[in-house]
C-alpha atoms as a PDB file:
ATOM      1  CA  MET A   1     199.604-150.828  -2.214  1.00  0.00           C
ATOM      2  CA  GLN A   2     198.771-148.149   0.357  1.00  0.00           C
ATOM      3  CA  ALA A   3     195.537-148.081   2.308  1.00  0.00           C
ATOM      4  CA  ILE A   4     193.555-145.616   4.389  1.00  0.00           C
ATOM      5  CA  GLU A   5     190.626-146.316   6.646  1.00  0.00           C
ATOM      6  CA  PHE A   6     187.800-144.000   7.675  1.00  0.00           C
ATOM      7  CA  GLU A   7     184.081-144.123   8.397  1.00  0.00           C
ATOM      8  CA  THR A   8     181.496-142.083   6.537  1.00  0.00           C
ATOM      9  CA  HIS A   9     177.879-142.189   5.342  1.00  0.00           C
ATOM     10  CA  LEU A  10     176.673-142.850   1.823  1.00  0.00           C
ATOM     11  CA  GLU A  11     174.506-140.110   0.347  1.00  0.00           C
ATOM     12  CA  ASN A  12     172.842-140.614  -3.024  1.00  0.00           C
ATOM     13  CA  GLY A  13     175.476-143.183  -3.966  1.00  0.00           C
ATOM     14  CA  LEU A  14     178.409-140.903  -3.064  1.00  0.00           C
ATOM     15  CA  ILE A  15     181.174-141.681  -0.600  1.00  0.00           C
ATOM     16  CA  HIS A  16     182.411-138.503   1.059  1.00  0.00           C
ATOM     17  CA  LEU A  17     186.123-138.487   1.841  1.00  0.00           C
ATOM     18  CA  PRO A  18     187.252-136.757   5.020  1.00  0.00           C
ATOM     19  CA  VAL A  19     188.934-133.408   4.294  1.00  0.00           C
ATOM     20  CA  SER A  20     192.305-134.785   5.391  1.00  0.00           C
ATOM     21  CA  TYR A  21     192.167-137.426   2.610  1.00  0.00           C
ATOM     22  CA  GLN A  22     190.626-135.408  -0.227  1.00  0.00           C
ATOM     23  CA  HIS A  23     193.960-134.798  -1.968  1.00  0.00           C
ATOM     24  CA  TRP A  24     195.629-138.090  -0.976  1.00  0.00           C
ATOM     25  CA  GLN A  25     196.845-139.873  -4.110  1.00  0.00           C
ATOM     26  CA  GLU A  26     194.939-137.348  -6.242  1.00  0.00           C
ATOM     27  CA  GLY A  27     194.767-138.291  -9.906  1.00  0.00           C
ATOM     28  CA  LYS A  28     195.660-141.936  -9.325  1.00  0.00           C
ATOM     29  CA  HIS A  29     193.495-144.978  -9.954  1.00  0.00           C
ATOM     30  CA  VAL A  30     192.179-146.415  -6.669  1.00  0.00           C
ATOM     31  CA  LYS A  31     190.375-149.558  -5.608  1.00  0.00           C
ATOM     32  CA  VAL A  32     187.441-149.033  -3.224  1.00  0.00           C
ATOM     33  CA  ILE A  33     186.176-151.716  -0.860  1.00  0.00           C
ATOM     34  CA  VAL A  34     183.038-150.889   1.125  1.00  0.00           C
ATOM     35  CA  LEU A  35     182.341-152.691   4.398  1.00  0.00           C
ATOM     36  CA  VAL A  36     179.086-152.240   6.289  1.00  0.00           C
ATOM     37  CA  ASP A  37     178.896-152.512  10.063  1.00  0.00           C
ATOM     38  CA  GLU A  38     175.715-154.591  10.218  1.00  0.00           C
ATOM     39  CA  SER A  39     175.360-154.217  13.969  1.00  0.00           C
ATOM     40  CA  ALA A  40     175.118-150.420  13.542  1.00  0.00           C
ATOM     41  CA  ASP A  41     172.428-150.874  10.868  1.00  0.00           C
ATOM     42  CA  ASP A  42     170.546-153.272  13.139  1.00  0.00           C
ATOM     43  CA  ARG A  43     170.577-150.710  15.952  1.00  0.00           C
ATOM     44  CA  LEU A  44     169.352-147.957  13.649  1.00  0.00           C
ATOM     45  CA  GLU A  45     166.611-150.196  12.234  1.00  0.00           C
ATOM     46  CA  GLN A  46     165.529-151.170  15.747  1.00  0.00           C
ATOM     47  CA  GLN A  47     165.389-147.501  16.806  1.00  0.00           C
ATOM     48  CA  ASN A  48     163.271-146.676  13.752  1.00  0.00           C
ATOM     49  CA  ARG A  49     160.991-149.632  14.444  1.00  0.00           C
ATOM     50  CA  GLN A  50     160.549-148.560  18.065  1.00  0.00           C
ATOM     51  CA  SER A  51     159.789-144.980  17.091  1.00  0.00           C
ATOM     52  CA  ILE A  52     157.097-146.174  14.659  1.00  0.00           C
ATOM     53  CA  ASN A  53     155.642-148.652  17.132  1.00  0.00           C
ATOM     54  CA  ARG A  54     155.255-146.064  19.865  1.00  0.00           C
ATOM     55  CA  HIS A  55     152.728-144.302  17.630  1.00  0.00           C
ATOM     56  CA  ALA A  56     150.758-147.441  16.897  1.00  0.00           C
ATOM     57  CA  GLY A  57     147.459-147.956  18.672  1.00  0.00           C
ATOM     58  CA  LYS A  58     146.234-151.151  20.193  1.00  0.00           C
ATOM     59  CA  VAL A  59     143.294-153.038  18.781  1.00  0.00           C
ATOM     60  CA  SER A  60     140.885-154.589  21.216  1.00  0.00           C
ATOM     61  CA  LEU A  61     137.719-156.508  20.482  1.00  0.00           C
ATOM     62  CA  THR A  62     134.472-155.532  22.162  1.00  0.00           C
ATOM     63  CA  GLN A  63     132.896-158.893  21.400  1.00  0.00           C
ATOM     64  CA  ASP A  64     133.769-162.255  19.962  1.00  0.00           C
ATOM     65  CA  PRO A  65     134.303-161.909  16.174  1.00  0.00           C
ATOM     66  CA  LEU A  66     132.213-164.990  15.441  1.00  0.00           C
ATOM     67  CA  ASP A  67     129.285-163.607  17.460  1.00  0.00           C
ATOM     68  CA  PHE A  68     129.505-160.409  15.417  1.00  0.00           C
ATOM     69  CA  GLN A  69     129.388-162.369  12.164  1.00  0.00           C
ATOM     70  CA  LYS A  70     126.385-164.358  13.410  1.00  0.00           C
ATOM     71  CA  SER A  71     124.489-161.180  14.299  1.00  0.00           C
ATOM     72  CA  ILE A  72     125.155-159.676  10.841  1.00  0.00           C
ATOM     73  CA  ARG A  73     124.026-162.921   9.166  1.00  0.00           C
ATOM     74  CA  ASP A  74     120.826-162.937  11.254  1.00  0.00           C
ATOM     75  CA  GLU A  75     120.060-159.352  10.198  1.00  0.00           C
ATOM     76  CA  TRP A  76     120.407-160.263   6.501  1.00  0.00           C
ATOM     77  CA  ALA A  77     118.251-163.368   6.804  1.00  0.00           C
END
């Protein structure tokens, strides 16, 4: 069994072969094994999370939440 190794990205369920391998063993049955570099995915996910978080605002309370509830209850009474 012969093997080649390369890195690529999946797009819509398709694995794109590098040009240099596109005609390698053409017409023959092949076995495909896909390995994912989880550390690369973790870095990408962390970058995405950071980019989203930088747009998030901060929530701050102007008064104690329980005091607010008490004042609303007093108004309804």
